[in-house]
Amino acid sequence: MAAKPQSATSLGVSPEDDRRARIIKYSVAQGIRVVCIVLAVAGGGNWLTYVAGFGAAVLPYVAVVVANATDGGNSKAAPKAEAPTIAIGADAFRNASSDK
């Protein structure tokens, strides 16, 4: 059975574009973390120090989760490629000792 060819409009985001978007999301979150670290050090022991310190501690986890988040399956997924099945019948095999 011949499979239908894949349409170019059903393709997902290219790996390069996906990687670039993930790097941007992660870099923005880590930039915010650097600001939190600076505020925690320069906060002077008030509530801002604790809030910024908490943000600096939690943001690495949040950055990874946000960068790796998908759209939840809402995008149009490309169909999976199907490999043809090859079947070899028993009559195709011969006994090697009987060929002499």
PDB file of N, CA and C in Angstrom:
ATOM      1  N   MET A   1       0.848  -1.161   0.000  1.00  0.00           N
ATOM      2  CA  MET A   1       0.000   0.000   0.000  1.00  0.00           C
ATOM      3  C   MET A   1       0.897   1.227   0.000  1.00  0.00           C
ATOM      4  N   ALA A   2       0.698   2.113  -0.930  1.00  0.00           N
ATOM      5  CA  ALA A   2       1.501   3.323  -1.037  1.00  0.00           C
ATOM      6  C   ALA A   2       0.962   4.383  -0.080  1.00  0.00           C
ATOM      7  N   ALA A   3       1.867   4.981   0.667  1.00  0.00           N
ATOM      8  CA  ALA A   3       1.484   6.032   1.609  1.00  0.00           C
ATOM      9  C   ALA A   3       1.351   7.357   0.869  1.00  0.00           C
ATOM     10  N   LYS A   4       0.473   8.210   1.374  1.00  0.00           N
ATOM     11  CA  LYS A   4       0.306   9.525   0.765  1.00  0.00           C
ATOM     12  C   LYS A   4       1.555  10.353   1.051  1.00  0.00           C
ATOM     13  N   PRO A   5       2.024  11.135   0.080  1.00  0.00           N
ATOM     14  CA  PRO A   5       3.204  11.965   0.339  1.00  0.00           C
ATOM     15  C   PRO A   5       2.895  13.040   1.372  1.00  0.00           C
ATOM     16  N   GLN A   6       3.917  13.414   2.122  1.00  0.00           N
ATOM     17  CA  GLN A   6       3.737  14.402   3.176  1.00  0.00           C
ATOM     18  C   GLN A   6       3.673  15.798   2.571  1.00  0.00           C
ATOM     19  N   SER A   7       2.715  16.568   3.010  1.00  0.00           N
ATOM     20  CA  SER A   7       2.542  17.933   2.524  1.00  0.00           C
ATOM     21  C   SER A   7       3.519  18.860   3.242  1.00  0.00           C
ATOM     22  N   ALA A   8       4.069  19.815   2.510  1.00  0.00           N
ATOM     23  CA  ALA A   8       4.995  20.773   3.113  1.00  0.00           C
ATOM     24  C   ALA A   8       4.298  21.656   4.137  1.00  0.00           C
ATOM     25  N   THR A   9       3.000  21.837   4.024  1.00  0.00           N
ATOM     26  CA  THR A   9       2.279  22.675   4.977  1.00  0.00           C
ATOM     27  C   THR A   9       1.998  21.951   6.280  1.00  0.00           C
ATOM     28  N   SER A  10       2.170  20.629   6.324  1.00  0.00           N
ATOM     29  CA  SER A  10       1.925  19.897   7.558  1.00  0.00           C
ATOM     30  C   SER A  10       3.197  19.712   8.375  1.00  0.00           C
ATOM     31  N   LEU A  11       4.315  20.240   7.897  1.00  0.00           N
ATOM     32  CA  LEU A  11       5.571  20.101   8.620  1.00  0.00           C
ATOM     33  C   LEU A  11       5.584  21.022   9.830  1.00  0.00           C
ATOM     34  N   GLY A  12       6.290  20.595  10.870  1.00  0.00           N
ATOM     35  CA  GLY A  12       6.408  21.400  12.074  1.00  0.00           C
ATOM     36  C   GLY A  12       7.510  22.432  11.945  1.00  0.00           C
ATOM     37  N   VAL A  13       7.887  23.002  13.059  1.00  0.00           N
ATOM     38  CA  VAL A  13       8.946  24.001  13.111  1.00  0.00           C
ATOM     39  C   VAL A  13      10.279  23.293  12.887  1.00  0.00           C
ATOM     40  N   SER A  14      11.169  23.928  12.147  1.00  0.00           N
ATOM     41  CA  SER A  14      12.469  23.322  11.890  1.00  0.00           C
ATOM     42  C   SER A  14      13.256  23.220  13.192  1.00  0.00           C
ATOM     43  N   PRO A  15      14.147  22.241  13.293  1.00  0.00           N
ATOM     44  CA  PRO A  15      14.941  22.103  14.520  1.00  0.00           C
ATOM     45  C   PRO A  15      15.772  23.345  14.843  1.00  0.00           C
ATOM     46  N   GLU A  16      16.268  24.032  13.825  1.00  0.00           N
ATOM     47  CA  GLU A  16      17.055  25.233  14.075  1.00  0.00           C
ATOM     48  C   GLU A  16      16.207  26.337  14.688  1.00  0.00           C
ATOM     49  N   ASP A  17      14.997  26.543  14.153  1.00  0.00           N
ATOM     50  CA  ASP A  17      14.108  27.568  14.703  1.00  0.00           C
ATOM     51  C   ASP A  17      13.663  27.212  16.118  1.00  0.00           C
ATOM     52  N   ASP A  18      13.398  25.936  16.355  1.00  0.00           N
ATOM     53  CA  ASP A  18      12.994  25.478  17.685  1.00  0.00           C
ATOM     54  C   ASP A  18      14.121  25.699  18.687  1.00  0.00           C
ATOM     55  N   ARG A  19      15.341  25.346  18.305  1.00  0.00           N
ATOM     56  CA  ARG A  19      16.498  25.527  19.175  1.00  0.00           C
ATOM     57  C   ARG A  19      16.729  27.009  19.478  1.00  0.00           C
ATOM     58  N   ARG A  20      16.598  27.851  18.453  1.00  0.00           N
ATOM     59  CA  ARG A  20      16.798  29.296  18.644  1.00  0.00           C
ATOM     60  C   ARG A  20      15.760  29.855  19.625  1.00  0.00           C
ATOM     61  N   ALA A  21      14.511  29.445  19.488  1.00  0.00           N
ATOM     62  CA  ALA A  21      13.460  29.929  20.390  1.00  0.00           C
ATOM     63  C   ALA A  21      13.714  29.472  21.823  1.00  0.00           C
ATOM     64  N   ARG A  22      14.179  28.236  21.990  1.00  0.00           N
ATOM     65  CA  ARG A  22      14.472  27.732  23.331  1.00  0.00           C
ATOM     66  C   ARG A  22      15.636  28.495  23.959  1.00  0.00           C
ATOM     67  N   ILE A  23      16.663  28.774  23.158  1.00  0.00           N
ATOM     68  CA  ILE A  23      17.823  29.496  23.680  1.00  0.00           C
ATOM     69  C   ILE A  23      17.418  30.898  24.115  1.00  0.00           C
ATOM     70  N   ILE A  24      16.566  31.556  23.342  1.00  0.00           N
ATOM     71  CA  ILE A  24      16.124  32.913  23.697  1.00  0.00           C
ATOM     72  C   ILE A  24      15.326  32.886  24.999  1.00  0.00           C
ATOM     73  N   LYS A  25      14.395  31.941  25.128  1.00  0.00           N
ATOM     74  CA  LYS A  25      13.600  31.843  26.360  1.00  0.00           C
ATOM     75  C   LYS A  25      14.493  31.600  27.573  1.00  0.00           C
ATOM     76  N   TYR A  26      15.434  30.670  27.435  1.00  0.00           N
ATOM     77  CA  TYR A  26      16.323  30.334  28.537  1.00  0.00           C
ATOM     78  C   TYR A  26      17.221  31.526  28.895  1.00  0.00           C
ATOM     79  N   SER A  27      17.736  32.213  27.879  1.00  0.00           N
ATOM     80  CA  SER A  27      18.630  33.353  28.125  1.00  0.00           C
ATOM     81  C   SER A  27      17.904  34.495  28.822  1.00  0.00           C
ATOM     82  N   VAL A  28      16.671  34.752  28.444  1.00  0.00           N
ATOM     83  CA  VAL A  28      15.890  35.810  29.105  1.00  0.00           C
ATOM     84  C   VAL A  28      15.669  35.453  30.575  1.00  0.00           C
ATOM     85  N   ALA A  29      15.309  34.217  30.849  1.00  0.00           N
ATOM     86  CA  ALA A  29      15.079  33.800  32.239  1.00  0.00           C
ATOM     87  C   ALA A  29      16.370  33.882  33.049  1.00  0.00           C
ATOM     88  N   GLN A  30      17.493  33.514  32.468  1.00  0.00           N
ATOM     89  CA  GLN A  30      18.757  33.591  33.193  1.00  0.00           C
ATOM     90  C   GLN A  30      19.206  35.045  33.377  1.00  0.00           C
ATOM     91  N   GLY A  31      18.863  35.904  32.433  1.00  0.00           N
ATOM     92  CA  GLY A  31      19.142  37.334  32.605  1.00  0.00           C
ATOM     93  C   GLY A  31      18.366  37.909  33.780  1.00  0.00           C
ATOM     94  N   ILE A  32      17.114  37.496  33.914  1.00  0.00           N
ATOM     95  CA  ILE A  32      16.301  37.928  35.058  1.00  0.00           C
ATOM     96  C   ILE A  32      16.915  37.395  36.354  1.00  0.00           C
ATOM     97  N   ARG A  33      17.476  36.182  36.297  1.00  0.00           N
ATOM     98  CA  ARG A  33      18.112  35.601  37.478  1.00  0.00           C
ATOM     99  C   ARG A  33      19.328  36.420  37.897  1.00  0.00           C
ATOM    100  N   VAL A  34      20.107  36.886  36.941  1.00  0.00           N
ATOM    101  CA  VAL A  34      21.273  37.716  37.270  1.00  0.00           C
ATOM    102  C   VAL A  34      20.818  39.000  37.975  1.00  0.00           C
ATOM    103  N   VAL A  35      19.747  39.595  37.494  1.00  0.00           N
ATOM    104  CA  VAL A  35      19.204  40.794  38.151  1.00  0.00           C
ATOM    105  C   VAL A  35      18.762  40.456  39.573  1.00  0.00           C
ATOM    106  N   CYS A  36      18.150  39.296  39.757  1.00  0.00           N
ATOM    107  CA  CYS A  36      17.731  38.879  41.103  1.00  0.00           C
ATOM    108  C   CYS A  36      18.933  38.692  42.025  1.00  0.00           C
ATOM    109  N   ILE A  37      20.014  38.136  41.508  1.00  0.00           N
ATOM    110  CA  ILE A  37      21.218  37.946  42.333  1.00  0.00           C
ATOM    111  C   ILE A  37      21.789  39.293  42.754  1.00  0.00           C
ATOM    112  N   VAL A  38      21.855  40.225  41.810  1.00  0.00           N
ATOM    113  CA  VAL A  38      22.381  41.560  42.132  1.00  0.00           C
ATOM    114  C   VAL A  38      21.481  42.234  43.171  1.00  0.00           C
ATOM    115  N   LEU A  39      20.166  42.132  43.001  1.00  0.00           N
ATOM    116  CA  LEU A  39      19.245  42.739  43.977  1.00  0.00           C
ATOM    117  C   LEU A  39      19.339  42.063  45.335  1.00  0.00           C
ATOM    118  N   ALA A  40      19.572  40.759  45.354  1.00  0.00           N
ATOM    119  CA  ALA A  40      19.680  40.048  46.625  1.00  0.00           C
ATOM    120  C   ALA A  40      20.938  40.474  47.384  1.00  0.00           C
ATOM    121  N   VAL A  41      22.016  40.685  46.652  1.00  0.00           N
ATOM    122  CA  VAL A  41      23.267  41.102  47.300  1.00  0.00           C
ATOM    123  C   VAL A  41      23.180  42.565  47.749  1.00  0.00           C
ATOM    124  N   ALA A  42      22.582  43.400  46.919  1.00  0.00           N
ATOM    125  CA  ALA A  42      22.532  44.830  47.223  1.00  0.00           C
ATOM    126  C   ALA A  42      21.255  45.239  47.950  1.00  0.00           C
ATOM    127  N   GLY A  43      20.427  44.285  48.316  1.00  0.00           N
ATOM    128  CA  GLY A  43      19.129  44.606  48.914  1.00  0.00           C
ATOM    129  C   GLY A  43      19.182  45.181  50.304  1.00  0.00           C
ATOM    130  N   GLY A  44      20.247  44.958  51.037  1.00  0.00           N
ATOM    131  CA  GLY A  44      20.370  45.566  52.363  1.00  0.00           C
ATOM    132  C   GLY A  44      19.621  44.843  53.460  1.00  0.00           C
ATOM    133  N   GLY A  45      19.212  43.619  53.262  1.00  0.00           N
ATOM    134  CA  GLY A  45      18.582  42.843  54.323  1.00  0.00           C
ATOM    135  C   GLY A  45      17.093  43.080  54.495  1.00  0.00           C
ATOM    136  N   ASN A  46      16.455  43.812  53.614  1.00  0.00           N
ATOM    137  CA  ASN A  46      15.011  44.010  53.728  1.00  0.00           C
ATOM    138  C   ASN A  46      14.265  42.930  52.942  1.00  0.00           C
ATOM    139  N   TRP A  47      12.994  43.110  52.737  1.00  0.00           N
ATOM    140  CA  TRP A  47      12.173  42.101  52.063  1.00  0.00           C
ATOM    141  C   TRP A  47      12.621  41.860  50.631  1.00  0.00           C
ATOM    142  N   LEU A  48      13.179  42.891  49.969  1.00  0.00           N
ATOM    143  CA  LEU A  48      13.641  42.749  48.587  1.00  0.00           C
ATOM    144  C   LEU A  48      14.771  41.726  48.488  1.00  0.00           C
ATOM    145  N   THR A  49      15.614  41.671  49.509  1.00  0.00           N
ATOM    146  CA  THR A  49      16.706  40.697  49.523  1.00  0.00           C
ATOM    147  C   THR A  49      16.149  39.275  49.491  1.00  0.00           C
ATOM    148  N   TYR A  50      15.132  39.018  50.283  1.00  0.00           N
ATOM    149  CA  TYR A  50      14.569  37.666  50.361  1.00  0.00           C
ATOM    150  C   TYR A  50      13.799  37.290  49.097  1.00  0.00           C
ATOM    151  N   VAL A  51      13.047  38.226  48.557  1.00  0.00           N
ATOM    152  CA  VAL A  51      12.294  37.964  47.326  1.00  0.00           C
ATOM    153  C   VAL A  51      13.249  37.722  46.162  1.00  0.00           C
ATOM    154  N   ALA A  52      14.278  38.554  46.046  1.00  0.00           N
ATOM    155  CA  ALA A  52      15.248  38.390  44.970  1.00  0.00           C
ATOM    156  C   ALA A  52      16.054  37.112  45.150  1.00  0.00           C
ATOM    157  N   GLY A  53      16.398  36.772  46.377  1.00  0.00           N
ATOM    158  CA  GLY A  53      17.116  35.518  46.641  1.00  0.00           C
ATOM    159  C   GLY A  53      16.276  34.305  46.276  1.00  0.00           C
ATOM    160  N   PHE A  54      14.993  34.361  46.613  1.00  0.00           N
ATOM    161  CA  PHE A  54      14.095  33.270  46.225  1.00  0.00           C
ATOM    162  C   PHE A  54      13.996  33.161  44.707  1.00  0.00           C
ATOM    163  N   GLY A  55      13.888  34.310  44.032  1.00  0.00           N
ATOM    164  CA  GLY A  55      13.834  34.299  42.568  1.00  0.00           C
ATOM    165  C   GLY A  55      15.101  33.736  41.961  1.00  0.00           C
ATOM    166  N   ALA A  56      16.261  34.092  42.536  1.00  0.00           N
ATOM    167  CA  ALA A  56      17.532  33.577  42.023  1.00  0.00           C
ATOM    168  C   ALA A  56      17.653  32.078  42.239  1.00  0.00           C
ATOM    169  N   ALA A  57      17.039  31.555  43.282  1.00  0.00           N
ATOM    170  CA  ALA A  57      17.113  30.114  43.558  1.00  0.00           C
ATOM    171  C   ALA A  57      16.138  29.308  42.703  1.00  0.00           C
ATOM    172  N   VAL A  58      14.984  29.887  42.394  1.00  0.00           N
ATOM    173  CA  VAL A  58      13.938  29.149  41.686  1.00  0.00           C
ATOM    174  C   VAL A  58      14.032  29.306  40.166  1.00  0.00           C
ATOM    175  N   LEU A  59      14.577  30.403  39.706  1.00  0.00           N
ATOM    176  CA  LEU A  59      14.584  30.678  38.264  1.00  0.00           C
ATOM    177  C   LEU A  59      15.307  29.645  37.398  1.00  0.00           C
ATOM    178  N   PRO A  60      16.377  28.982  37.832  1.00  0.00           N
ATOM    179  CA  PRO A  60      16.973  27.959  36.960  1.00  0.00           C
ATOM    180  C   PRO A  60      15.985  26.851  36.593  1.00  0.00           C
ATOM    181  N   TYR A  61      15.211  26.389  37.570  1.00  0.00           N
ATOM    182  CA  TYR A  61      14.204  25.358  37.295  1.00  0.00           C
ATOM    183  C   TYR A  61      13.129  25.907  36.352  1.00  0.00           C
ATOM    184  N   VAL A  62      12.650  27.094  36.644  1.00  0.00           N
ATOM    185  CA  VAL A  62      11.607  27.698  35.816  1.00  0.00           C
ATOM    186  C   VAL A  62      12.120  27.921  34.390  1.00  0.00           C
ATOM    187  N   ALA A  63      13.383  28.334  34.262  1.00  0.00           N
ATOM    188  CA  ALA A  63      13.949  28.585  32.934  1.00  0.00           C
ATOM    189  C   ALA A  63      13.976  27.316  32.093  1.00  0.00           C
ATOM    190  N   VAL A  64      14.349  26.200  32.689  1.00  0.00           N
ATOM    191  CA  VAL A  64      14.401  24.941  31.952  1.00  0.00           C
ATOM    192  C   VAL A  64      13.000  24.479  31.575  1.00  0.00           C
ATOM    193  N   VAL A  65      12.055  24.588  32.496  1.00  0.00           N
ATOM    194  CA  VAL A  65      10.686  24.162  32.204  1.00  0.00           C
ATOM    195  C   VAL A  65      10.075  25.020  31.101  1.00  0.00           C
ATOM    196  N   VAL A  66      10.272  26.323  31.163  1.00  0.00           N
ATOM    197  CA  VAL A  66       9.708  27.216  30.149  1.00  0.00           C
ATOM    198  C   VAL A  66      10.370  26.982  28.798  1.00  0.00           C
ATOM    199  N   ALA A  67      11.689  26.808  28.792  1.00  0.00           N
ATOM    200  CA  ALA A  67      12.398  26.607  27.529  1.00  0.00           C
ATOM    201  C   ALA A  67      12.005  25.287  26.860  1.00  0.00           C
ATOM    202  N   ASN A  68      11.691  24.286  27.650  1.00  0.00           N
ATOM    203  CA  ASN A  68      11.348  22.982  27.083  1.00  0.00           C
ATOM    204  C   ASN A  68       9.853  22.760  26.919  1.00  0.00           C
ATOM    205  N   ALA A  69       9.050  23.753  27.257  1.00  0.00           N
ATOM    206  CA  ALA A  69       7.599  23.610  27.147  1.00  0.00           C
ATOM    207  C   ALA A  69       7.191  23.520  25.681  1.00  0.00           C
ATOM    208  N   THR A  70       6.194  22.687  25.441  1.00  0.00           N
ATOM    209  CA  THR A  70       5.629  22.577  24.099  1.00  0.00           C
ATOM    210  C   THR A  70       4.272  23.249  24.094  1.00  0.00           C
ATOM    211  N   ASP A  71       3.640  23.252  22.944  1.00  0.00           N
ATOM    212  CA  ASP A  71       2.333  23.907  22.841  1.00  0.00           C
ATOM    213  C   ASP A  71       1.190  22.997  23.283  1.00  0.00           C
ATOM    214  N   GLY A  72       1.484  21.867  23.887  1.00  0.00           N
ATOM    215  CA  GLY A  72       0.449  20.986  24.399  1.00  0.00           C
ATOM    216  C   GLY A  72      -0.251  20.166  23.344  1.00  0.00           C
ATOM    217  N   GLY A  73       0.349  20.011  22.198  1.00  0.00           N
ATOM    218  CA  GLY A  73      -0.250  19.202  21.150  1.00  0.00           C
ATOM    219  C   GLY A  73      -1.259  19.943  20.302  1.00  0.00           C
ATOM    220  N   ASN A  74      -1.303  21.274  20.424  1.00  0.00           N
ATOM    221  CA  ASN A  74      -2.262  22.037  19.639  1.00  0.00           C
ATOM    222  C   ASN A  74      -1.819  22.261  18.199  1.00  0.00           C
ATOM    223  N   SER A  75      -0.530  22.062  17.947  1.00  0.00           N
ATOM    224  CA  SER A  75      -0.050  22.274  16.581  1.00  0.00           C
ATOM    225  C   SER A  75      -0.415  21.075  15.720  1.00  0.00           C
ATOM    226  N   LYS A  76      -0.439  21.310  14.424  1.00  0.00           N
ATOM    227  CA  LYS A  76      -0.765  20.236  13.504  1.00  0.00           C
ATOM    228  C   LYS A  76       0.461  19.336  13.365  1.00  0.00           C
ATOM    229  N   ALA A  77       0.363  18.132  13.871  1.00  0.00           N
ATOM    230  CA  ALA A  77       1.508  17.226  13.860  1.00  0.00           C
ATOM    231  C   ALA A  77       1.655  16.586  12.481  1.00  0.00           C
ATOM    232  N   ALA A  78       2.891  16.451  12.077  1.00  0.00           N
ATOM    233  CA  ALA A  78       3.186  15.797  10.806  1.00  0.00           C
ATOM    234  C   ALA A  78       2.931  14.297  10.946  1.00  0.00           C
ATOM    235  N   PRO A  79       2.401  13.676   9.910  1.00  0.00           N
ATOM    236  CA  PRO A  79       2.168  12.233  10.001  1.00  0.00           C
ATOM    237  C   PRO A  79       3.493  11.483  10.064  1.00  0.00           C
ATOM    238  N   LYS A  80       3.482  10.369  10.748  1.00  0.00           N
ATOM    239  CA  LYS A  80       4.679   9.549  10.874  1.00  0.00           C
ATOM    240  C   LYS A  80       4.949   8.834   9.564  1.00  0.00           C
ATOM    241  N   ALA A  81       6.232   8.729   9.225  1.00  0.00           N
ATOM    242  CA  ALA A  81       6.620   7.998   8.026  1.00  0.00           C
ATOM    243  C   ALA A  81       6.485   6.499   8.298  1.00  0.00           C
ATOM    244  N   GLU A  82       5.988   5.783   7.327  1.00  0.00           N
ATOM    245  CA  GLU A  82       5.808   4.343   7.480  1.00  0.00           C
ATOM    246  C   GLU A  82       6.746   3.625   6.534  1.00  0.00           C
ATOM    247  N   ALA A  83       7.534   2.720   7.096  1.00  0.00           N
ATOM    248  CA  ALA A  83       8.451   1.931   6.281  1.00  0.00           C
ATOM    249  C   ALA A  83       7.688   0.726   5.716  1.00  0.00           C
ATOM    250  N   PRO A  84       7.982   0.346   4.477  1.00  0.00           N
ATOM    251  CA  PRO A  84       7.313  -0.826   3.921  1.00  0.00           C
ATOM    252  C   PRO A  84       7.768  -2.097   4.637  1.00  0.00           C
ATOM    253  N   THR A  85       6.860  -3.038   4.737  1.00  0.00           N
ATOM    254  CA  THR A  85       7.175  -4.311   5.370  1.00  0.00           C
ATOM    255  C   THR A  85       7.650  -5.283   4.304  1.00  0.00           C
ATOM    256  N   ILE A  86       8.761  -5.921   4.579  1.00  0.00           N
ATOM    257  CA  ILE A  86       9.317  -6.900   3.643  1.00  0.00           C
ATOM    258  C   ILE A  86       9.078  -8.282   4.227  1.00  0.00           C
ATOM    259  N   ALA A  87       8.485  -9.143   3.423  1.00  0.00           N
ATOM    260  CA  ALA A  87       8.226 -10.510   3.862  1.00  0.00           C
ATOM    261  C   ALA A  87       8.953 -11.478   2.935  1.00  0.00           C
ATOM    262  N   ILE A  88       9.660 -12.431   3.519  1.00  0.00           N
ATOM    263  CA  ILE A  88      10.360 -13.456   2.753  1.00  0.00           C
ATOM    264  C   ILE A  88       9.701 -14.791   3.084  1.00  0.00           C
ATOM    265  N   GLY A  89       9.239 -15.446   2.043  1.00  0.00           N
ATOM    266  CA  GLY A  89       8.580 -16.735   2.237  1.00  0.00           C
ATOM    267  C   GLY A  89       9.580 -17.840   2.548  1.00  0.00           C
ATOM    268  N   ALA A  90       9.109 -18.926   3.117  1.00  0.00           N
ATOM    269  CA  ALA A  90       9.977 -20.039   3.488  1.00  0.00           C
ATOM    270  C   ALA A  90      10.584 -20.709   2.270  1.00  0.00           C
ATOM    271  N   ASP A  91       9.913 -20.652   1.121  1.00  0.00           N
ATOM    272  CA  ASP A  91      10.439 -21.296  -0.079  1.00  0.00           C
ATOM    273  C   ASP A  91      11.662 -20.569  -0.635  1.00  0.00           C
ATOM    274  N   ALA A  92      11.967 -19.367  -0.148  1.00  0.00           N
ATOM    275  CA  ALA A  92      13.136 -18.626  -0.623  1.00  0.00           C
ATOM    276  C   ALA A  92      14.420 -19.136   0.017  1.00  0.00           C
ATOM    277  N   PHE A  93      14.309 -19.923   1.075  1.00  0.00           N
ATOM    278  CA  PHE A  93      15.486 -20.435   1.756  1.00  0.00           C
ATOM    279  C   PHE A  93      15.814 -21.836   1.272  1.00  0.00           C
ATOM    280  N   ARG A  94      17.119 -22.089   1.140  1.00  0.00           N
ATOM    281  CA  ARG A  94      17.576 -23.432   0.745  1.00  0.00           C
ATOM    282  C   ARG A  94      18.560 -23.930   1.762  1.00  0.00           C
ATOM    283  N   ASN A  95      18.707 -25.212   1.838  1.00  0.00           N
ATOM    284  CA  ASN A  95      19.675 -25.821   2.704  1.00  0.00           C
ATOM    285  C   ASN A  95      21.029 -25.743   2.019  1.00  0.00           C
ATOM    286  N   ALA A  96      22.047 -25.163   2.648  1.00  0.00           N
ATOM    287  CA  ALA A  96      23.351 -24.970   2.024  1.00  0.00           C
ATOM    288  C   ALA A  96      24.052 -26.286   1.736  1.00  0.00           C
ATOM    289  N   SER A  97      23.802 -27.313   2.518  1.00  0.00           N
ATOM    290  CA  SER A  97      24.480 -28.598   2.306  1.00  0.00           C
ATOM    291  C   SER A  97      23.879 -29.352   1.108  1.00  0.00           C
ATOM    292  N   SER A  98      22.704 -29.023   0.671  1.00  0.00           N
ATOM    293  CA  SER A  98      22.079 -29.725  -0.457  1.00  0.00           C
ATOM    294  C   SER A  98      22.503 -29.118  -1.805  1.00  0.00           C
ATOM    295  N   ASP A  99      23.246 -28.012  -1.816  1.00  0.00           N
ATOM    296  CA  ASP A  99      23.680 -27.391  -3.066  1.00  0.00           C
ATOM    297  C   ASP A  99      24.935 -28.040  -3.629  1.00  0.00           C
ATOM    298  N   LYS A 100      25.576 -28.960  -2.930  1.00  0.00           N
ATOM    299  CA  LYS A 100      26.829 -29.567  -3.394  1.00  0.00           C
ATOM    300  C   LYS A 100      26.615 -30.614  -4.450  1.00  0.00           C
TER     301      LYS A 100
END
